[in-house]
Amino acid sequence: MGRGRAKAKQVKVARQLKYNSGGTDLDRLRTELGVGRGEQDAREPAYADLADRYGDLADIDGTEPDEDDEDDEDE
């Protein structure tokens, strides 16, 4: 029967989250999660760099070219 205090604490926290969600300290949350402030992590290459590097591997419709199709036409 010792759940009364724990349940009351859970209800209190749930109410705070439900009704007071506008006061979130995003800087504190970012610090707790260990996320950098930059928009992009230094380890991740930019999308434009990846598109330049690998853009020739895909057809216009976004699929890889089939090299087997060229061999089938000769037979």
N, C-alpha and C. Protein backbone atom coordinates (compact mmCIF):
# COMPACT_ATOMS: atom_id res chain seq x y z
N MET A 1 0.81 -1.21 0.00
CA MET A 1 0.00 0.00 0.00
C MET A 1 0.85 1.27 0.00
N GLY A 2 2.12 1.16 -0.27
CA GLY A 2 2.99 2.31 -0.22
C GLY A 2 3.08 3.07 -1.53
N ARG A 3 2.14 2.86 -2.43
CA ARG A 3 2.20 3.52 -3.74
C ARG A 3 1.58 4.90 -3.75
N GLY A 4 0.97 5.32 -2.72
CA GLY A 4 0.25 6.59 -2.72
C GLY A 4 1.13 7.78 -3.03
N ARG A 5 2.27 7.86 -2.39
CA ARG A 5 3.16 8.99 -2.59
C ARG A 5 3.77 8.98 -4.00
N ALA A 6 4.16 7.80 -4.48
CA ALA A 6 4.74 7.69 -5.82
C ALA A 6 3.70 8.02 -6.89
N LYS A 7 2.48 7.55 -6.69
CA LYS A 7 1.43 7.83 -7.67
C LYS A 7 1.10 9.32 -7.68
N ALA A 8 1.07 9.95 -6.51
CA ALA A 8 0.80 11.38 -6.44
C ALA A 8 1.89 12.18 -7.17
N LYS A 9 3.14 11.74 -7.03
CA LYS A 9 4.24 12.40 -7.73
C LYS A 9 4.09 12.25 -9.24
N GLN A 10 3.71 11.05 -9.71
CA GLN A 10 3.50 10.82 -11.13
C GLN A 10 2.37 11.68 -11.68
N VAL A 11 1.30 11.81 -10.91
CA VAL A 11 0.17 12.64 -11.34
C VAL A 11 0.60 14.10 -11.42
N LYS A 12 1.39 14.54 -10.44
CA LYS A 12 1.86 15.92 -10.43
C LYS A 12 2.73 16.20 -11.66
N VAL A 13 3.65 15.30 -11.96
CA VAL A 13 4.53 15.48 -13.12
C VAL A 13 3.72 15.45 -14.41
N ALA A 14 2.75 14.54 -14.50
CA ALA A 14 1.92 14.45 -15.70
C ALA A 14 1.12 15.73 -15.91
N ARG A 15 0.59 16.30 -14.85
CA ARG A 15 -0.14 17.56 -14.97
C ARG A 15 0.76 18.70 -15.40
N GLN A 16 1.98 18.73 -14.85
CA GLN A 16 2.92 19.78 -15.26
C GLN A 16 3.25 19.67 -16.74
N LEU A 17 3.45 18.46 -17.22
CA LEU A 17 3.76 18.26 -18.63
C LEU A 17 2.58 18.63 -19.52
N LYS A 18 1.38 18.32 -19.06
CA LYS A 18 0.19 18.57 -19.87
C LYS A 18 -0.15 20.05 -19.95
N TYR A 19 -0.10 20.74 -18.83
CA TYR A 19 -0.59 22.11 -18.79
C TYR A 19 0.50 23.17 -18.86
N ASN A 20 1.73 22.83 -18.57
CA ASN A 20 2.80 23.81 -18.55
C ASN A 20 3.89 23.47 -19.56
N SER A 21 3.51 23.03 -20.73
CA SER A 21 4.51 22.58 -21.70
C SER A 21 5.24 23.73 -22.38
N GLY A 22 4.78 24.96 -22.25
CA GLY A 22 5.39 26.08 -22.95
C GLY A 22 6.69 26.56 -22.35
N GLY A 23 6.99 26.19 -21.13
CA GLY A 23 8.18 26.70 -20.45
C GLY A 23 9.38 25.79 -20.52
N THR A 24 9.56 25.09 -21.61
CA THR A 24 10.67 24.17 -21.74
C THR A 24 11.97 24.94 -21.97
N ASP A 25 12.97 24.63 -21.17
CA ASP A 25 14.28 25.26 -21.32
C ASP A 25 15.08 24.43 -22.32
N LEU A 26 15.08 24.87 -23.58
CA LEU A 26 15.71 24.09 -24.64
C LEU A 26 17.23 24.05 -24.51
N ASP A 27 17.83 25.11 -23.99
CA ASP A 27 19.28 25.09 -23.80
C ASP A 27 19.69 24.06 -22.76
N ARG A 28 18.93 23.98 -21.68
CA ARG A 28 19.22 22.98 -20.64
C ARG A 28 19.02 21.57 -21.17
N LEU A 29 17.97 21.37 -21.95
CA LEU A 29 17.71 20.06 -22.55
C LEU A 29 18.83 19.68 -23.51
N ARG A 30 19.28 20.62 -24.32
CA ARG A 30 20.38 20.38 -25.26
C ARG A 30 21.65 19.97 -24.51
N THR A 31 21.91 20.64 -23.38
CA THR A 31 23.08 20.32 -22.58
C THR A 31 22.97 18.92 -21.99
N GLU A 32 21.80 18.56 -21.48
CA GLU A 32 21.60 17.23 -20.90
C GLU A 32 21.76 16.13 -21.93
N LEU A 33 21.30 16.39 -23.15
CA LEU A 33 21.38 15.37 -24.19
C LEU A 33 22.74 15.33 -24.86
N GLY A 34 23.55 16.35 -24.64
CA GLY A 34 24.88 16.38 -25.23
C GLY A 34 24.88 16.69 -26.70
N VAL A 35 23.93 17.48 -27.14
CA VAL A 35 23.81 17.84 -28.55
C VAL A 35 24.50 19.17 -28.78
N GLY A 36 25.22 19.27 -29.88
CA GLY A 36 25.92 20.51 -30.20
C GLY A 36 24.96 21.61 -30.60
N ARG A 37 25.43 22.82 -30.57
CA ARG A 37 24.59 23.96 -30.91
C ARG A 37 24.48 24.19 -32.41
N GLY A 38 25.42 23.69 -33.18
CA GLY A 38 25.41 23.91 -34.62
C GLY A 38 24.25 23.19 -35.28
N GLU A 39 23.90 23.65 -36.47
CA GLU A 39 22.80 23.02 -37.20
C GLU A 39 23.19 21.65 -37.72
N GLN A 40 24.50 21.47 -37.95
CA GLN A 40 24.96 20.22 -38.52
C GLN A 40 26.21 19.78 -37.77
N ASP A 41 26.27 18.52 -37.44
CA ASP A 41 27.42 17.98 -36.75
C ASP A 41 28.62 17.98 -37.70
N ALA A 42 29.81 18.19 -37.18
CA ALA A 42 31.01 18.26 -38.02
C ALA A 42 31.31 16.92 -38.69
N ARG A 43 30.85 15.81 -38.10
CA ARG A 43 31.12 14.49 -38.68
C ARG A 43 30.25 14.19 -39.88
N GLU A 44 29.14 14.87 -40.03
CA GLU A 44 28.22 14.59 -41.13
C GLU A 44 28.54 15.48 -42.33
N PRO A 45 28.78 14.89 -43.48
CA PRO A 45 29.00 15.72 -44.67
C PRO A 45 27.69 16.37 -45.12
N ALA A 46 27.81 17.49 -45.75
CA ALA A 46 26.63 18.21 -46.23
C ALA A 46 25.95 17.43 -47.34
N TYR A 47 24.65 17.62 -47.48
CA TYR A 47 23.88 16.91 -48.51
C TYR A 47 24.39 17.24 -49.91
N ALA A 48 24.76 18.49 -50.12
CA ALA A 48 25.25 18.88 -51.44
C ALA A 48 26.53 18.14 -51.80
N ASP A 49 27.40 17.94 -50.81
CA ASP A 49 28.63 17.19 -51.07
C ASP A 49 28.33 15.75 -51.45
N LEU A 50 27.38 15.14 -50.75
CA LEU A 50 27.01 13.76 -51.07
C LEU A 50 26.34 13.67 -52.43
N ALA A 51 25.51 14.65 -52.75
CA ALA A 51 24.83 14.63 -54.05
C ALA A 51 25.84 14.77 -55.18
N ASP A 52 26.85 15.61 -54.99
CA ASP A 52 27.89 15.76 -56.02
C ASP A 52 28.70 14.49 -56.18
N ARG A 53 28.99 13.85 -55.06
CA ARG A 53 29.84 12.67 -55.09
C ARG A 53 29.13 11.45 -55.68
N TYR A 54 27.87 11.25 -55.32
CA TYR A 54 27.17 10.02 -55.70
C TYR A 54 26.02 10.24 -56.67
N GLY A 55 25.84 11.44 -57.18
CA GLY A 55 24.72 11.73 -58.06
C GLY A 55 24.75 10.97 -59.36
N ASP A 56 25.94 10.62 -59.84
CA ASP A 56 26.03 9.92 -61.12
C ASP A 56 25.67 8.44 -61.00
N LEU A 57 25.48 7.95 -59.79
CA LEU A 57 25.13 6.54 -59.61
C LEU A 57 23.65 6.26 -59.81
N ALA A 58 22.84 7.28 -59.82
CA ALA A 58 21.40 7.09 -59.92
C ALA A 58 20.89 7.64 -61.25
N ASP A 59 19.86 6.99 -61.77
CA ASP A 59 19.18 7.52 -62.96
C ASP A 59 18.33 8.71 -62.57
N ILE A 60 17.67 9.28 -63.52
CA ILE A 60 16.79 10.42 -63.25
C ILE A 60 15.64 10.02 -62.35
N ASP A 61 15.15 8.78 -62.49
CA ASP A 61 14.02 8.35 -61.66
C ASP A 61 14.46 7.90 -60.27
N GLY A 62 15.74 7.96 -59.96
CA GLY A 62 16.21 7.65 -58.62
C GLY A 62 16.62 6.21 -58.42
N THR A 63 16.65 5.40 -59.47
CA THR A 63 17.08 4.01 -59.32
C THR A 63 18.47 3.84 -59.91
N GLU A 64 19.13 2.78 -59.51
CA GLU A 64 20.46 2.52 -60.03
C GLU A 64 20.36 1.96 -61.44
N PRO A 65 21.30 2.28 -62.31
CA PRO A 65 21.27 1.73 -63.66
C PRO A 65 21.55 0.24 -63.66
N ASP A 66 20.87 -0.48 -64.54
CA ASP A 66 21.08 -1.92 -64.66
C ASP A 66 22.10 -2.17 -65.75
N GLU A 67 23.23 -2.74 -65.37
CA GLU A 67 24.25 -3.07 -66.35
C GLU A 67 23.91 -4.35 -67.09
N ASP A 68 23.08 -5.22 -66.51
CA ASP A 68 22.70 -6.48 -67.13
C ASP A 68 21.80 -6.27 -68.35
N ASP A 69 21.07 -5.16 -68.39
CA ASP A 69 20.15 -4.91 -69.50
C ASP A 69 20.91 -4.77 -70.82
N GLU A 70 22.09 -4.19 -70.78
CA GLU A 70 22.87 -4.02 -72.00
C GLU A 70 23.31 -5.36 -72.57
N ASP A 71 23.65 -6.32 -71.71
CA ASP A 71 24.07 -7.65 -72.16
C ASP A 71 22.91 -8.43 -72.75
N ASP A 72 21.71 -8.26 -72.21
CA ASP A 72 20.55 -9.00 -72.68
C ASP A 72 20.13 -8.58 -74.08
N GLU A 73 20.38 -7.33 -74.45
CA GLU A 73 19.96 -6.85 -75.77
C GLU A 73 20.79 -7.48 -76.89
N ASP A 74 22.03 -7.87 -76.61
CA ASP A 74 22.90 -8.45 -77.63
C ASP A 74 22.49 -9.86 -78.00
N GLU A 75 21.84 -10.57 -77.12
CA GLU A 75 21.49 -11.97 -77.37
C GLU A 75 20.26 -12.15 -78.18
